[in-house]
Structure formats: C-alpha cells, structure tokens
C-alpha atoms as a PDB file:
ATOM      1  CA  UNK A   1       2.287   0.386 -14.622  1.00  0.00           C
ATOM      2  CA  UNK A   2       0.119   2.575 -11.571  1.00  0.00           C
ATOM      3  CA  UNK A   3      -1.783   0.149  -9.631  1.00  0.00           C
ATOM      4  CA  UNK A   4      -4.378   0.272  -6.607  1.00  0.00           C
ATOM      5  CA  UNK A   5      -5.021  -2.224  -4.086  1.00  0.00           C
ATOM      6  CA  UNK A   6      -7.492  -2.182  -1.109  1.00  0.00           C
ATOM      7  CA  UNK A   7      -5.945  -2.752   2.237  1.00  0.00           C
ATOM      8  CA  UNK A   8      -7.331  -3.952   5.700  1.00  0.00           C
ATOM      9  CA  UNK A   9      -6.825  -2.119   9.046  1.00  0.00           C
ATOM     10  CA  UNK A  10      -5.808   1.412   7.608  1.00  0.00           C
ATOM     11  CA  UNK A  11      -8.041   3.794   9.570  1.00  0.00           C
ATOM     12  CA  UNK A  12      -6.199   7.260   9.812  1.00  0.00           C
ATOM     13  CA  UNK A  13      -3.447   9.663   8.454  1.00  0.00           C
ATOM     14  CA  UNK A  14      -0.827   7.578  10.992  1.00  0.00           C
ATOM     15  CA  UNK A  15      -1.125   4.368   9.409  1.00  0.00           C
ATOM     16  CA  UNK A  16      -0.579   6.444   5.812  1.00  0.00           C
ATOM     17  CA  UNK A  17       2.308   8.154   7.120  1.00  0.00           C
ATOM     18  CA  UNK A  18       3.501   4.887   8.344  1.00  0.00           C
ATOM     19  CA  UNK A  19       3.111   2.900   5.002  1.00  0.00           C
ATOM     20  CA  UNK A  20       5.007   5.725   3.209  1.00  0.00           C
ATOM     21  CA  UNK A  21       7.482   5.984   5.791  1.00  0.00           C
ATOM     22  CA  UNK A  22       8.105   2.060   5.620  1.00  0.00           C
ATOM     23  CA  UNK A  23       7.794   1.699   1.874  1.00  0.00           C
ATOM     24  CA  UNK A  24       8.358   4.593  -0.566  1.00  0.00           C
ATOM     25  CA  UNK A  25      12.366   4.567  -0.114  1.00  0.00           C
ATOM     26  CA  UNK A  26      11.626   1.104  -1.980  1.00  0.00           C
ATOM     27  CA  UNK A  27       8.322   1.493  -4.442  1.00  0.00           C
ATOM     28  CA  UNK A  28       8.457   5.371  -4.796  1.00  0.00           C
ATOM     29  CA  UNK A  29       5.681   7.381  -4.541  1.00  0.00           C
ATOM     30  CA  UNK A  30       2.485   6.239  -2.732  1.00  0.00           C
ATOM     31  CA  UNK A  31      -0.596   7.622  -2.126  1.00  0.00           C
ATOM     32  CA  UNK A  32      -3.160   6.393   0.541  1.00  0.00           C
ATOM     33  CA  UNK A  33      -7.245   7.100  -0.135  1.00  0.00           C
ATOM     34  CA  UNK A  34      -8.640   7.177   3.091  1.00  0.00           C
ATOM     35  CA  UNK A  35     -11.729   8.156   1.950  1.00  0.00           C
ATOM     36  CA  UNK A  36     -12.766   5.152   0.222  1.00  0.00           C
ATOM     37  CA  UNK A  37     -13.974   1.957   2.623  1.00  0.00           C
ATOM     38  CA  UNK A  38     -11.739  -0.698   2.230  1.00  0.00           C
ATOM     39  CA  UNK A  39      -9.128   2.401   1.775  1.00  0.00           C
ATOM     40  CA  UNK A  40      -7.002   2.035  -1.334  1.00  0.00           C
ATOM     41  CA  UNK A  41      -3.212   2.522  -1.571  1.00  0.00           C
ATOM     42  CA  UNK A  42      -1.913   3.687  -5.211  1.00  0.00           C
ATOM     43  CA  UNK A  43       1.742   3.323  -6.612  1.00  0.00           C
ATOM     44  CA  UNK A  44       3.615   2.383  -9.481  1.00  0.00           C
ATOM     45  CA  UNK A  45       4.694  -1.555  -9.914  1.00  0.00           C
ATOM     46  CA  UNK A  46       7.398  -2.478 -12.375  1.00  0.00           C
ATOM     47  CA  UNK A  47       6.291  -6.316 -12.305  1.00  0.00           C
ATOM     48  CA  UNK A  48       4.563  -8.990 -10.828  1.00  0.00           C
ATOM     49  CA  UNK A  49       7.465  -9.687  -8.635  1.00  0.00           C
ATOM     50  CA  UNK A  50       7.702  -6.468  -7.052  1.00  0.00           C
ATOM     51  CA  UNK A  51       3.860  -6.584  -6.453  1.00  0.00           C
ATOM     52  CA  UNK A  52       4.281  -9.598  -4.435  1.00  0.00           C
ATOM     53  CA  UNK A  53       7.064  -8.031  -2.249  1.00  0.00           C
ATOM     54  CA  UNK A  54       4.911  -4.667  -1.897  1.00  0.00           C
ATOM     55  CA  UNK A  55       1.925  -7.215  -0.245  1.00  0.00           C
ATOM     56  CA  UNK A  56       4.622  -9.114   1.700  1.00  0.00           C
ATOM     57  CA  UNK A  57       5.788  -6.054   3.034  1.00  0.00           C
ATOM     58  CA  UNK A  58       2.332  -4.434   3.517  1.00  0.00           C
ATOM     59  CA  UNK A  59       1.352  -7.446   5.578  1.00  0.00           C
ATOM     60  CA  UNK A  60       4.804  -7.326   7.480  1.00  0.00           C
ATOM     61  CA  UNK A  61       3.678  -3.582   8.834  1.00  0.00           C
ATOM     62  CA  UNK A  62       0.342  -5.001   9.430  1.00  0.00           C
ATOM     63  CA  UNK A  63      -1.830  -3.519   6.798  1.00  0.00           C
ATOM     64  CA  UNK A  64      -2.930  -6.514   4.562  1.00  0.00           C
ATOM     65  CA  UNK A  65      -3.946  -6.633   0.562  1.00  0.00           C
ATOM     66  CA  UNK A  66      -7.163  -8.033   0.111  1.00  0.00           C
ATOM     67  CA  UNK A  67      -7.971  -7.339  -3.489  1.00  0.00           C
ATOM     68  CA  UNK A  68      -5.691  -5.457  -6.494  1.00  0.00           C
END
C-alpha cells in the first residue's frame, strides 16, 4: 500500500538523497516531495510493522515523521 508521510528537517535535495540512499535497499523506491511544506515522503508500506520500522529509521537519520 502506498503511503505518504510528512516529515521534519528535510530541507534540500541532499536530505532527499540521504533518505533514499539509507532506506531504499530495505523499503524499495522512495519519493521525496521537496515542494510541499512540511516535506512529504512517499513509499509502499506492507504492514504496520514495516511502518513502525520506517518511522524509527527515519528518526535515526535525523528526519522525524510528524504525520502519516
């Protein structure tokens, strides 16, 4: 299921590239919308367990999910 999350601290393409480089191996293709405010991260999430893991890993690299 495709899901979009609003995230804090994403400010530029370097942030988007860090998210993709860090998480795409585990979560598949990730799209970061730098035009929205707050910034949006969209990906396919299989279940609640993967969603929790994604939120934790985003936080670990400095980008907190503020809304799903």
